[in-house]
Amino acid sequence: MTVKLLIGLGNPGAQYAHTRHNAGFCVIERLSNLWNIPVDRARCHGLVGEGRAEGQRVILIKPQTFMNLSGDCVADALRWYKAEPKDTMIFSDDIDLPLGQIRVRPFGGAGTHNGWRDILLKTGSDRFPRVRVGVGGKPPEWDLADWVLSRFSPEDQKLMDAAFDRAAQAARCFVEKGIEEAMNVYNRKAGEG
């Protein structure tokens, strides 16, 4: 039986909790609650939770490296669990998507995301199914690093909570039915269909 790895990108530490860059962590927290799988064991440069969901063995992972070194955790997890990139879904923030929109893809490049750049470099693959969570574009007067490390306003947080829930449901669909079905169902804009 293949194992499904579900990895949410973010930065460790209380000072980064619930920032834009930690969207991936927020999705993993949703899945942890949904499937009752605690993510609390140190392994592979991350915090890991192992369990069964949707008839599959699933591993939930929150890398504990900083974002720019996410590839260390992902590469170690692939080796440790003998998993393939195609069975590994990764969740990340995306400044190029509107706030609260998600996009599910079967593979792709790094774009401007340093976490993705490190993953592609250290694993030698871009064949990771992924869910990008839109955190909104940087206002002109903001520095990019400050923007991705900022928190959401209370109004924006409501949109993001819905996006994290949709991303978790897309992950559930991926585990049970595969990436094509997850894309078909979850690539509609919020509010469509």
N, C-alpha and C. Protein backbone atom coordinates (compact mmCIF):
# COMPACT_ATOMS: atom_id res chain seq x y z
N MET A 1 0.85 -1.19 0.00
CA MET A 1 0.00 0.00 0.00
C MET A 1 0.89 1.24 0.00
N THR A 2 0.59 2.18 -0.89
CA THR A 2 1.38 3.41 -0.92
C THR A 2 1.00 4.30 0.26
N VAL A 3 1.97 5.08 0.68
CA VAL A 3 1.74 6.04 1.74
C VAL A 3 1.55 7.40 1.09
N LYS A 4 0.69 8.22 1.67
CA LYS A 4 0.48 9.59 1.19
C LYS A 4 1.10 10.55 2.19
N LEU A 5 2.04 11.36 1.72
CA LEU A 5 2.63 12.40 2.54
C LEU A 5 1.90 13.70 2.26
N LEU A 6 1.52 14.41 3.31
CA LEU A 6 0.86 15.71 3.20
C LEU A 6 1.71 16.69 4.01
N ILE A 7 2.35 17.63 3.30
CA ILE A 7 3.35 18.50 3.92
C ILE A 7 2.92 19.96 3.76
N GLY A 8 2.80 20.65 4.88
CA GLY A 8 2.44 22.07 4.86
C GLY A 8 3.65 22.93 5.16
N LEU A 9 3.96 23.86 4.27
CA LEU A 9 5.13 24.71 4.46
C LEU A 9 4.83 25.86 5.41
N GLY A 10 5.87 26.26 6.15
CA GLY A 10 5.75 27.37 7.08
C GLY A 10 7.06 27.56 7.82
N ASN A 11 7.04 28.49 8.77
CA ASN A 11 8.20 28.73 9.63
C ASN A 11 7.86 28.31 11.04
N PRO A 12 8.79 27.62 11.74
CA PRO A 12 8.52 27.22 13.12
C PRO A 12 8.62 28.41 14.06
N GLY A 13 7.96 28.30 15.21
CA GLY A 13 8.07 29.32 16.24
C GLY A 13 6.81 30.15 16.36
N ALA A 14 6.50 30.54 17.60
CA ALA A 14 5.27 31.27 17.89
C ALA A 14 5.20 32.60 17.15
N GLN A 15 6.35 33.24 16.91
CA GLN A 15 6.33 34.56 16.26
C GLN A 15 5.85 34.48 14.82
N TYR A 16 5.88 33.28 14.22
CA TYR A 16 5.44 33.13 12.83
C TYR A 16 4.06 32.50 12.70
N ALA A 17 3.47 32.10 13.82
CA ALA A 17 2.17 31.41 13.78
C ALA A 17 1.13 32.32 13.11
N HIS A 18 0.37 31.74 12.22
CA HIS A 18 -0.76 32.40 11.55
C HIS A 18 -0.35 33.59 10.69
N THR A 19 0.91 33.59 10.23
CA THR A 19 1.31 34.59 9.25
C THR A 19 0.98 34.05 7.86
N ARG A 20 1.06 34.92 6.86
CA ARG A 20 0.74 34.51 5.48
C ARG A 20 1.62 33.34 5.03
N HIS A 21 2.90 33.40 5.39
CA HIS A 21 3.84 32.36 4.96
C HIS A 21 3.52 31.00 5.59
N ASN A 22 2.74 30.98 6.67
CA ASN A 22 2.43 29.73 7.36
C ASN A 22 1.10 29.13 6.94
N ALA A 23 0.62 29.49 5.77
CA ALA A 23 -0.65 28.93 5.27
C ALA A 23 -0.59 27.41 5.23
N GLY A 24 0.55 26.85 4.84
CA GLY A 24 0.68 25.39 4.78
C GLY A 24 0.50 24.73 6.14
N PHE A 25 1.06 25.34 7.18
CA PHE A 25 0.88 24.81 8.53
C PHE A 25 -0.60 24.80 8.90
N CYS A 26 -1.31 25.87 8.52
CA CYS A 26 -2.74 25.98 8.86
C CYS A 26 -3.54 24.85 8.22
N VAL A 27 -3.18 24.46 7.00
CA VAL A 27 -3.88 23.35 6.34
C VAL A 27 -3.59 22.04 7.06
N ILE A 28 -2.34 21.81 7.45
CA ILE A 28 -2.00 20.58 8.17
C ILE A 28 -2.75 20.53 9.50
N GLU A 29 -2.89 21.66 10.17
CA GLU A 29 -3.66 21.69 11.42
C GLU A 29 -5.11 21.29 11.18
N ARG A 30 -5.69 21.73 10.06
CA ARG A 30 -7.06 21.33 9.72
C ARG A 30 -7.15 19.81 9.53
N LEU A 31 -6.18 19.24 8.80
CA LEU A 31 -6.18 17.80 8.55
C LEU A 31 -5.94 17.02 9.84
N SER A 32 -5.09 17.53 10.70
CA SER A 32 -4.84 16.89 11.99
C SER A 32 -6.14 16.78 12.79
N ASN A 33 -6.92 17.85 12.80
CA ASN A 33 -8.21 17.84 13.50
C ASN A 33 -9.23 16.95 12.80
N LEU A 34 -9.28 17.03 11.47
CA LEU A 34 -10.24 16.26 10.69
C LEU A 34 -10.05 14.76 10.90
N TRP A 35 -8.81 14.31 10.87
CA TRP A 35 -8.51 12.89 10.94
C TRP A 35 -8.07 12.43 12.33
N ASN A 36 -8.03 13.35 13.28
CA ASN A 36 -7.59 13.04 14.65
C ASN A 36 -6.20 12.39 14.65
N ILE A 37 -5.28 13.03 13.93
CA ILE A 37 -3.89 12.59 13.86
C ILE A 37 -3.02 13.69 14.44
N PRO A 38 -2.54 13.54 15.68
CA PRO A 38 -1.66 14.57 16.25
C PRO A 38 -0.36 14.69 15.46
N VAL A 39 0.09 15.92 15.25
CA VAL A 39 1.34 16.18 14.53
C VAL A 39 2.33 16.68 15.58
N ASP A 40 2.99 15.72 16.25
CA ASP A 40 3.78 16.10 17.42
C ASP A 40 5.06 15.29 17.61
N ARG A 41 5.42 14.46 16.64
CA ARG A 41 6.63 13.65 16.76
C ARG A 41 7.74 14.25 15.88
N ALA A 42 8.92 14.44 16.46
CA ALA A 42 10.04 14.99 15.70
C ALA A 42 10.63 13.90 14.80
N ARG A 43 10.69 14.19 13.50
CA ARG A 43 11.29 13.27 12.53
C ARG A 43 11.51 14.02 11.22
N CYS A 44 12.58 13.69 10.52
CA CYS A 44 12.83 14.23 9.18
C CYS A 44 12.85 15.76 9.15
N HIS A 45 13.45 16.40 10.13
CA HIS A 45 13.49 17.86 10.20
C HIS A 45 12.09 18.47 10.29
N GLY A 46 11.15 17.74 10.87
CA GLY A 46 9.79 18.26 10.97
C GLY A 46 9.03 17.68 12.14
N LEU A 47 7.79 18.15 12.30
CA LEU A 47 6.85 17.52 13.22
C LEU A 47 5.93 16.65 12.38
N VAL A 48 5.74 15.42 12.82
CA VAL A 48 5.07 14.40 12.01
C VAL A 48 3.91 13.78 12.78
N GLY A 49 2.86 13.45 12.06
CA GLY A 49 1.76 12.66 12.60
C GLY A 49 1.45 11.54 11.62
N GLU A 50 1.30 10.32 12.10
CA GLU A 50 1.04 9.16 11.24
C GLU A 50 -0.32 8.57 11.60
N GLY A 51 -1.06 8.15 10.58
CA GLY A 51 -2.35 7.53 10.83
C GLY A 51 -2.97 7.00 9.56
N ARG A 52 -4.26 6.70 9.65
CA ARG A 52 -5.01 6.22 8.48
C ARG A 52 -6.18 7.16 8.24
N ALA A 53 -6.43 7.42 6.95
CA ALA A 53 -7.55 8.28 6.58
C ALA A 53 -7.97 7.94 5.16
N GLU A 54 -9.26 7.95 4.92
CA GLU A 54 -9.80 7.68 3.58
C GLU A 54 -9.24 6.37 3.03
N GLY A 55 -9.03 5.38 3.92
CA GLY A 55 -8.57 4.07 3.50
C GLY A 55 -7.10 3.99 3.16
N GLN A 56 -6.32 5.02 3.49
CA GLN A 56 -4.90 5.07 3.15
C GLN A 56 -4.06 5.33 4.40
N ARG A 57 -2.79 4.96 4.32
CA ARG A 57 -1.84 5.39 5.34
C ARG A 57 -1.41 6.82 4.99
N VAL A 58 -1.57 7.74 5.93
CA VAL A 58 -1.23 9.13 5.67
C VAL A 58 -0.22 9.62 6.72
N ILE A 59 0.66 10.51 6.26
CA ILE A 59 1.66 11.14 7.12
C ILE A 59 1.47 12.65 6.97
N LEU A 60 1.20 13.32 8.07
CA LEU A 60 1.08 14.78 8.09
C LEU A 60 2.40 15.35 8.59
N ILE A 61 2.92 16.38 7.90
CA ILE A 61 4.24 16.92 8.25
C ILE A 61 4.23 18.44 8.22
N LYS A 62 4.80 19.03 9.28
CA LYS A 62 5.09 20.47 9.34
C LYS A 62 6.60 20.62 9.47
N PRO A 63 7.30 21.01 8.39
CA PRO A 63 8.75 21.17 8.48
C PRO A 63 9.12 22.14 9.60
N GLN A 64 10.21 21.82 10.31
CA GLN A 64 10.68 22.68 11.38
C GLN A 64 12.00 23.37 11.00
N THR A 65 12.34 23.30 9.74
CA THR A 65 13.41 24.15 9.20
C THR A 65 12.72 25.48 8.90
N PHE A 66 13.46 26.50 8.58
CA PHE A 66 12.80 27.71 8.11
C PHE A 66 12.41 27.51 6.66
N MET A 67 11.51 28.34 6.18
CA MET A 67 10.91 28.18 4.85
C MET A 67 11.97 27.94 3.77
N ASN A 68 13.06 28.73 3.80
CA ASN A 68 14.06 28.64 2.74
C ASN A 68 14.81 27.31 2.72
N LEU A 69 14.62 26.48 3.77
CA LEU A 69 15.28 25.16 3.84
C LEU A 69 14.25 24.03 3.85
N SER A 70 13.06 24.28 3.31
CA SER A 70 11.99 23.27 3.31
C SER A 70 12.40 21.98 2.63
N GLY A 71 13.31 22.05 1.67
CA GLY A 71 13.74 20.86 0.95
C GLY A 71 14.41 19.83 1.84
N ASP A 72 15.04 20.26 2.93
CA ASP A 72 15.67 19.30 3.85
C ASP A 72 14.63 18.34 4.40
N CYS A 73 13.51 18.88 4.86
CA CYS A 73 12.44 18.06 5.44
C CYS A 73 11.79 17.18 4.37
N VAL A 74 11.46 17.78 3.23
CA VAL A 74 10.76 17.02 2.18
C VAL A 74 11.64 15.88 1.68
N ALA A 75 12.91 16.15 1.41
CA ALA A 75 13.81 15.10 0.91
C ALA A 75 13.97 13.98 1.94
N ASP A 76 14.14 14.35 3.22
CA ASP A 76 14.27 13.34 4.28
C ASP A 76 13.00 12.50 4.39
N ALA A 77 11.85 13.14 4.32
CA ALA A 77 10.57 12.42 4.45
C ALA A 77 10.38 11.44 3.29
N LEU A 78 10.74 11.84 2.08
CA LEU A 78 10.62 10.92 0.93
C LEU A 78 11.48 9.67 1.17
N ARG A 79 12.70 9.88 1.66
CA ARG A 79 13.59 8.73 1.92
C ARG A 79 13.05 7.87 3.07
N TRP A 80 12.69 8.50 4.19
CA TRP A 80 12.27 7.77 5.39
C TRP A 80 11.04 6.92 5.12
N TYR A 81 10.05 7.52 4.43
CA TYR A 81 8.79 6.82 4.21
C TYR A 81 8.75 6.07 2.87
N LYS A 82 9.87 6.12 2.13
CA LYS A 82 9.95 5.46 0.82
C LYS A 82 8.78 5.88 -0.07
N ALA A 83 8.56 7.19 -0.11
CA ALA A 83 7.43 7.76 -0.85
C ALA A 83 7.93 8.38 -2.15
N GLU A 84 7.02 8.50 -3.09
CA GLU A 84 7.31 9.13 -4.37
C GLU A 84 6.74 10.55 -4.37
N PRO A 85 7.36 11.47 -5.13
CA PRO A 85 6.79 12.81 -5.23
C PRO A 85 5.29 12.82 -5.61
N LYS A 86 4.88 11.93 -6.51
CA LYS A 86 3.47 11.92 -6.96
C LYS A 86 2.50 11.56 -5.83
N ASP A 87 3.00 10.97 -4.75
CA ASP A 87 2.16 10.62 -3.60
C ASP A 87 2.34 11.60 -2.45
N THR A 88 2.96 12.74 -2.74
CA THR A 88 3.29 13.75 -1.73
C THR A 88 2.62 15.07 -2.10
N MET A 89 1.62 15.47 -1.36
CA MET A 89 0.96 16.76 -1.62
C MET A 89 1.54 17.80 -0.68
N ILE A 90 1.91 18.95 -1.27
CA ILE A 90 2.53 20.03 -0.50
C ILE A 90 1.62 21.27 -0.55
N PHE A 91 1.47 21.91 0.60
CA PHE A 91 0.61 23.10 0.75
C PHE A 91 1.49 24.31 1.02
N SER A 92 1.24 25.40 0.29
CA SER A 92 2.05 26.60 0.49
C SER A 92 1.20 27.85 0.25
N ASP A 93 1.73 28.96 0.77
CA ASP A 93 1.12 30.26 0.50
C ASP A 93 1.48 30.67 -0.93
N ASP A 94 0.68 31.59 -1.50
CA ASP A 94 0.96 32.10 -2.83
C ASP A 94 0.52 33.56 -2.91
N ILE A 95 1.48 34.46 -3.13
CA ILE A 95 1.16 35.88 -3.21
C ILE A 95 0.56 36.25 -4.57
N ASP A 96 0.64 35.34 -5.55
CA ASP A 96 0.12 35.63 -6.88
C ASP A 96 -1.34 35.20 -7.04
N LEU A 97 -1.91 34.58 -6.02
CA LEU A 97 -3.33 34.21 -6.05
C LEU A 97 -4.11 35.17 -5.16
N PRO A 98 -5.33 35.50 -5.57
CA PRO A 98 -6.15 36.38 -4.72
C PRO A 98 -6.36 35.77 -3.34
N LEU A 99 -6.51 36.64 -2.37
CA LEU A 99 -6.73 36.24 -0.99
C LEU A 99 -7.87 35.22 -0.89
N GLY A 100 -7.58 34.07 -0.29
CA GLY A 100 -8.61 33.07 -0.04
C GLY A 100 -8.89 32.12 -1.19
N GLN A 101 -8.23 32.28 -2.33
CA GLN A 101 -8.41 31.34 -3.45
C GLN A 101 -7.38 30.22 -3.34
N ILE A 102 -7.76 29.00 -3.70
CA ILE A 102 -6.78 27.92 -3.73
C ILE A 102 -6.62 27.42 -5.16
N ARG A 103 -5.47 26.85 -5.46
CA ARG A 103 -5.23 26.26 -6.77
C ARG A 103 -4.53 24.91 -6.56
N VAL A 104 -5.12 23.88 -7.13
CA VAL A 104 -4.60 22.51 -7.03
C VAL A 104 -3.92 22.17 -8.35
N ARG A 105 -2.69 21.68 -8.28
CA ARG A 105 -1.93 21.33 -9.48
C ARG A 105 -1.23 19.97 -9.26
N PRO A 106 -0.99 19.22 -10.37
CA PRO A 106 -0.31 17.93 -10.23
C PRO A 106 1.20 18.06 -10.09
N PHE A 107 1.78 19.20 -10.53
CA PHE A 107 3.22 19.44 -10.47
C PHE A 107 3.44 20.88 -10.91
N GLY A 108 4.68 21.33 -10.87
CA GLY A 108 4.99 22.68 -11.35
C GLY A 108 6.31 23.18 -10.82
N GLY A 109 6.61 24.41 -11.19
CA GLY A 109 7.87 25.02 -10.80
C GLY A 109 7.77 25.72 -9.45
N ALA A 110 8.83 26.47 -9.12
CA ALA A 110 8.91 27.14 -7.83
C ALA A 110 8.30 28.53 -7.85
N GLY A 111 8.24 29.15 -9.05
CA GLY A 111 7.79 30.54 -9.10
C GLY A 111 8.71 31.40 -8.24
N THR A 112 8.13 32.31 -7.48
CA THR A 112 8.92 33.21 -6.63
C THR A 112 9.06 32.69 -5.21
N HIS A 113 8.61 31.44 -4.96
CA HIS A 113 8.54 30.91 -3.59
C HIS A 113 9.84 30.21 -3.21
N ASN A 114 10.54 30.75 -2.20
CA ASN A 114 11.83 30.19 -1.80
C ASN A 114 11.73 28.78 -1.21
N GLY A 115 10.64 28.49 -0.52
CA GLY A 115 10.44 27.14 0.01
C GLY A 115 10.37 26.12 -1.12
N TRP A 116 9.58 26.45 -2.15
CA TRP A 116 9.47 25.56 -3.31
C TRP A 116 10.80 25.44 -4.04
N ARG A 117 11.52 26.55 -4.16
CA ARG A 117 12.81 26.51 -4.85
C ARG A 117 13.74 25.51 -4.17
N ASP A 118 13.77 25.52 -2.83
CA ASP A 118 14.63 24.61 -2.08
C ASP A 118 14.17 23.16 -2.22
N ILE A 119 12.86 22.94 -2.25
CA ILE A 119 12.33 21.58 -2.41
C ILE A 119 12.75 21.00 -3.76
N LEU A 120 12.57 21.78 -4.83
CA LEU A 120 12.93 21.29 -6.16
C LEU A 120 14.42 21.02 -6.26
N LEU A 121 15.23 21.88 -5.65
CA LEU A 121 16.68 21.72 -5.67
C LEU A 121 17.10 20.44 -4.93
N LYS A 122 16.56 20.23 -3.72
CA LYS A 122 17.06 19.14 -2.87
C LYS A 122 16.42 17.79 -3.16
N THR A 123 15.29 17.77 -3.84
CA THR A 123 14.68 16.48 -4.21
C THR A 123 14.96 16.13 -5.67
N GLY A 124 15.34 17.12 -6.46
CA GLY A 124 15.57 16.88 -7.88
C GLY A 124 14.29 16.61 -8.65
N SER A 125 13.14 17.00 -8.09
CA SER A 125 11.86 16.73 -8.77
C SER A 125 10.92 17.93 -8.62
N ASP A 126 10.08 18.12 -9.64
CA ASP A 126 9.00 19.11 -9.55
C ASP A 126 7.64 18.41 -9.63
N ARG A 127 7.63 17.09 -9.47
CA ARG A 127 6.41 16.30 -9.71
C ARG A 127 5.55 16.14 -8.46
N PHE A 128 5.52 17.15 -7.64
CA PHE A 128 4.73 17.11 -6.41
C PHE A 128 3.35 17.71 -6.64
N PRO A 129 2.27 16.95 -6.38
CA PRO A 129 0.95 17.58 -6.33
C PRO A 129 1.00 18.68 -5.27
N ARG A 130 0.30 19.78 -5.55
CA ARG A 130 0.37 20.88 -4.61
C ARG A 130 -0.94 21.64 -4.55
N VAL A 131 -1.15 22.27 -3.39
CA VAL A 131 -2.26 23.20 -3.21
C VAL A 131 -1.64 24.52 -2.80
N ARG A 132 -1.81 25.50 -3.65
CA ARG A 132 -1.34 26.84 -3.34
C ARG A 132 -2.52 27.63 -2.77
N VAL A 133 -2.27 28.32 -1.67
CA VAL A 133 -3.32 29.07 -0.98
C VAL A 133 -3.03 30.56 -1.16
N GLY A 134 -3.94 31.27 -1.82
CA GLY A 134 -3.74 32.69 -2.08
C GLY A 134 -3.77 33.52 -0.81
N VAL A 135 -2.70 34.29 -0.61
CA VAL A 135 -2.63 35.16 0.57
C VAL A 135 -2.67 36.64 0.17
N GLY A 136 -2.92 36.89 -1.12
CA GLY A 136 -3.02 38.27 -1.60
C GLY A 136 -1.66 38.83 -1.97
N GLY A 137 -1.68 39.73 -2.95
CA GLY A 137 -0.44 40.34 -3.43
C GLY A 137 0.08 41.39 -2.47
N LYS A 138 1.36 41.62 -2.54
CA LYS A 138 2.04 42.60 -1.69
C LYS A 138 1.64 44.02 -2.11
N PRO A 139 1.18 44.83 -1.16
CA PRO A 139 0.94 46.24 -1.50
C PRO A 139 2.25 46.92 -1.89
N PRO A 140 2.21 47.91 -2.78
CA PRO A 140 3.44 48.53 -3.30
C PRO A 140 4.38 49.06 -2.22
N GLU A 141 3.81 49.53 -1.12
CA GLU A 141 4.66 50.15 -0.09
C GLU A 141 5.28 49.12 0.86
N TRP A 142 4.92 47.84 0.70
CA TRP A 142 5.43 46.80 1.62
C TRP A 142 6.67 46.13 1.04
N ASP A 143 7.58 45.73 1.91
CA ASP A 143 8.68 44.83 1.57
C ASP A 143 8.11 43.41 1.51
N LEU A 144 8.55 42.60 0.55
CA LEU A 144 7.99 41.26 0.38
C LEU A 144 8.15 40.41 1.65
N ALA A 145 9.33 40.42 2.26
CA ALA A 145 9.54 39.61 3.47
C ALA A 145 8.58 40.04 4.58
N ASP A 146 8.40 41.35 4.75
CA ASP A 146 7.47 41.83 5.78
C ASP A 146 6.04 41.39 5.46
N TRP A 147 5.67 41.42 4.18
CA TRP A 147 4.31 41.06 3.77
C TRP A 147 4.00 39.59 4.10
N VAL A 148 4.89 38.68 3.69
CA VAL A 148 4.60 37.25 3.91
C VAL A 148 4.68 36.88 5.38
N LEU A 149 5.35 37.70 6.19
CA LEU A 149 5.42 37.42 7.62
C LEU A 149 4.38 38.22 8.42
N SER A 150 3.46 38.89 7.70
CA SER A 150 2.40 39.64 8.38
C SER A 150 1.19 38.74 8.62
N ARG A 151 0.32 39.18 9.52
CA ARG A 151 -0.90 38.43 9.84
C ARG A 151 -2.08 39.04 9.11
N PHE A 152 -3.17 38.28 9.05
CA PHE A 152 -4.37 38.72 8.37
C PHE A 152 -5.22 39.60 9.28
N SER A 153 -5.94 40.53 8.66
CA SER A 153 -6.94 41.29 9.42
C SER A 153 -8.05 40.33 9.82
N PRO A 154 -8.88 40.69 10.81
CA PRO A 154 -9.99 39.80 11.20
C PRO A 154 -10.92 39.45 10.03
N GLU A 155 -11.18 40.41 9.15
CA GLU A 155 -12.05 40.14 7.99
C GLU A 155 -11.38 39.16 7.03
N ASP A 156 -10.08 39.42 6.77
CA ASP A 156 -9.33 38.54 5.86
C ASP A 156 -9.16 37.14 6.46
N GLN A 157 -9.04 37.06 7.78
CA GLN A 157 -8.88 35.76 8.44
C GLN A 157 -10.08 34.86 8.16
N LYS A 158 -11.27 35.43 8.08
CA LYS A 158 -12.48 34.63 7.77
C LYS A 158 -12.36 34.01 6.38
N LEU A 159 -11.90 34.80 5.41
CA LEU A 159 -11.67 34.27 4.06
C LEU A 159 -10.62 33.17 4.07
N MET A 160 -9.56 33.39 4.84
CA MET A 160 -8.48 32.41 4.89
C MET A 160 -8.92 31.13 5.59
N ASP A 161 -9.71 31.24 6.64
CA ASP A 161 -10.21 30.03 7.31
C ASP A 161 -10.99 29.16 6.33
N ALA A 162 -11.80 29.80 5.49
CA ALA A 162 -12.55 29.05 4.47
C ALA A 162 -11.59 28.42 3.45
N ALA A 163 -10.52 29.15 3.10
CA ALA A 163 -9.53 28.62 2.15
C ALA A 163 -8.79 27.43 2.74
N PHE A 164 -8.43 27.52 4.03
CA PHE A 164 -7.73 26.39 4.67
C PHE A 164 -8.65 25.16 4.71
N ASP A 165 -9.92 25.39 4.96
CA ASP A 165 -10.88 24.27 4.96
C ASP A 165 -10.99 23.64 3.58
N ARG A 166 -11.05 24.49 2.53
CA ARG A 166 -11.13 23.97 1.15
C ARG A 166 -9.86 23.20 0.79
N ALA A 167 -8.71 23.72 1.20
CA ALA A 167 -7.44 23.04 0.92
C ALA A 167 -7.40 21.69 1.61
N ALA A 168 -7.90 21.61 2.84
CA ALA A 168 -7.95 20.33 3.56
C ALA A 168 -8.89 19.36 2.86
N GLN A 169 -10.01 19.85 2.36
CA GLN A 169 -10.93 18.98 1.63
C GLN A 169 -10.31 18.51 0.31
N ALA A 170 -9.54 19.37 -0.33
CA ALA A 170 -8.82 18.97 -1.56
C ALA A 170 -7.82 17.86 -1.24
N ALA A 171 -7.16 17.98 -0.09
CA ALA A 171 -6.21 16.94 0.34
C ALA A 171 -6.94 15.63 0.58
N ARG A 172 -8.07 15.71 1.21
CA ARG A 172 -8.88 14.51 1.48
C ARG A 172 -9.26 13.83 0.16
N CYS A 173 -9.67 14.63 -0.81
CA CYS A 173 -10.03 14.11 -2.13
C CYS A 173 -8.80 13.48 -2.81
N PHE A 174 -7.65 14.13 -2.71
CA PHE A 174 -6.41 13.61 -3.28
C PHE A 174 -6.08 12.23 -2.69
N VAL A 175 -6.19 12.11 -1.38
CA VAL A 175 -5.86 10.84 -0.71
C VAL A 175 -6.81 9.74 -1.17
N GLU A 176 -8.09 10.07 -1.27
CA GLU A 176 -9.10 9.06 -1.59
C GLU A 176 -9.23 8.77 -3.08
N LYS A 177 -9.17 9.83 -3.92
CA LYS A 177 -9.51 9.68 -5.35
C LYS A 177 -8.44 10.12 -6.33
N GLY A 178 -7.37 10.76 -5.84
CA GLY A 178 -6.29 11.16 -6.73
C GLY A 178 -6.31 12.63 -7.10
N ILE A 179 -5.21 13.06 -7.72
CA ILE A 179 -5.01 14.48 -8.01
C ILE A 179 -5.98 15.00 -9.07
N GLU A 180 -6.31 14.19 -10.08
CA GLU A 180 -7.21 14.69 -11.14
C GLU A 180 -8.57 15.06 -10.57
N GLU A 181 -9.11 14.20 -9.70
CA GLU A 181 -10.41 14.49 -9.09
C GLU A 181 -10.31 15.72 -8.18
N ALA A 182 -9.22 15.82 -7.44
CA ALA A 182 -9.05 16.99 -6.56
C ALA A 182 -9.01 18.28 -7.38
N MET A 183 -8.34 18.26 -8.53
CA MET A 183 -8.30 19.45 -9.38
C MET A 183 -9.68 19.77 -9.94
N ASN A 184 -10.38 18.73 -10.42
CA ASN A 184 -11.71 18.94 -11.01
C ASN A 184 -12.68 19.58 -10.01
N VAL A 185 -12.62 19.14 -8.77
CA VAL A 185 -13.58 19.61 -7.76
C VAL A 185 -13.16 20.93 -7.13
N TYR A 186 -11.87 21.11 -6.86
CA TYR A 186 -11.44 22.23 -6.00
C TYR A 186 -10.77 23.39 -6.73
N ASN A 187 -10.66 23.34 -8.06
CA ASN A 187 -10.08 24.49 -8.74
C ASN A 187 -11.09 25.55 -9.14
N ARG A 188 -12.35 25.36 -8.80
CA ARG A 188 -13.32 26.43 -8.99
C ARG A 188 -13.02 27.55 -8.02
N LYS A 189 -13.32 28.76 -8.41
CA LYS A 189 -13.14 29.89 -7.48
C LYS A 189 -14.13 29.76 -6.33
N ALA A 190 -13.76 30.29 -5.19
CA ALA A 190 -14.66 30.26 -4.03
C ALA A 190 -16.00 30.87 -4.43
N GLY A 191 -17.07 30.19 -4.11
CA GLY A 191 -18.41 30.69 -4.43
C GLY A 191 -18.97 30.14 -5.72
N GLU A 192 -18.13 29.56 -6.59
CA GLU A 192 -18.63 28.95 -7.84
C GLU A 192 -19.18 27.56 -7.55
N GLY A 193 -20.22 27.20 -8.26
CA GLY A 193 -20.76 25.85 -8.22
C GLY A 193 -21.00 25.34 -6.85
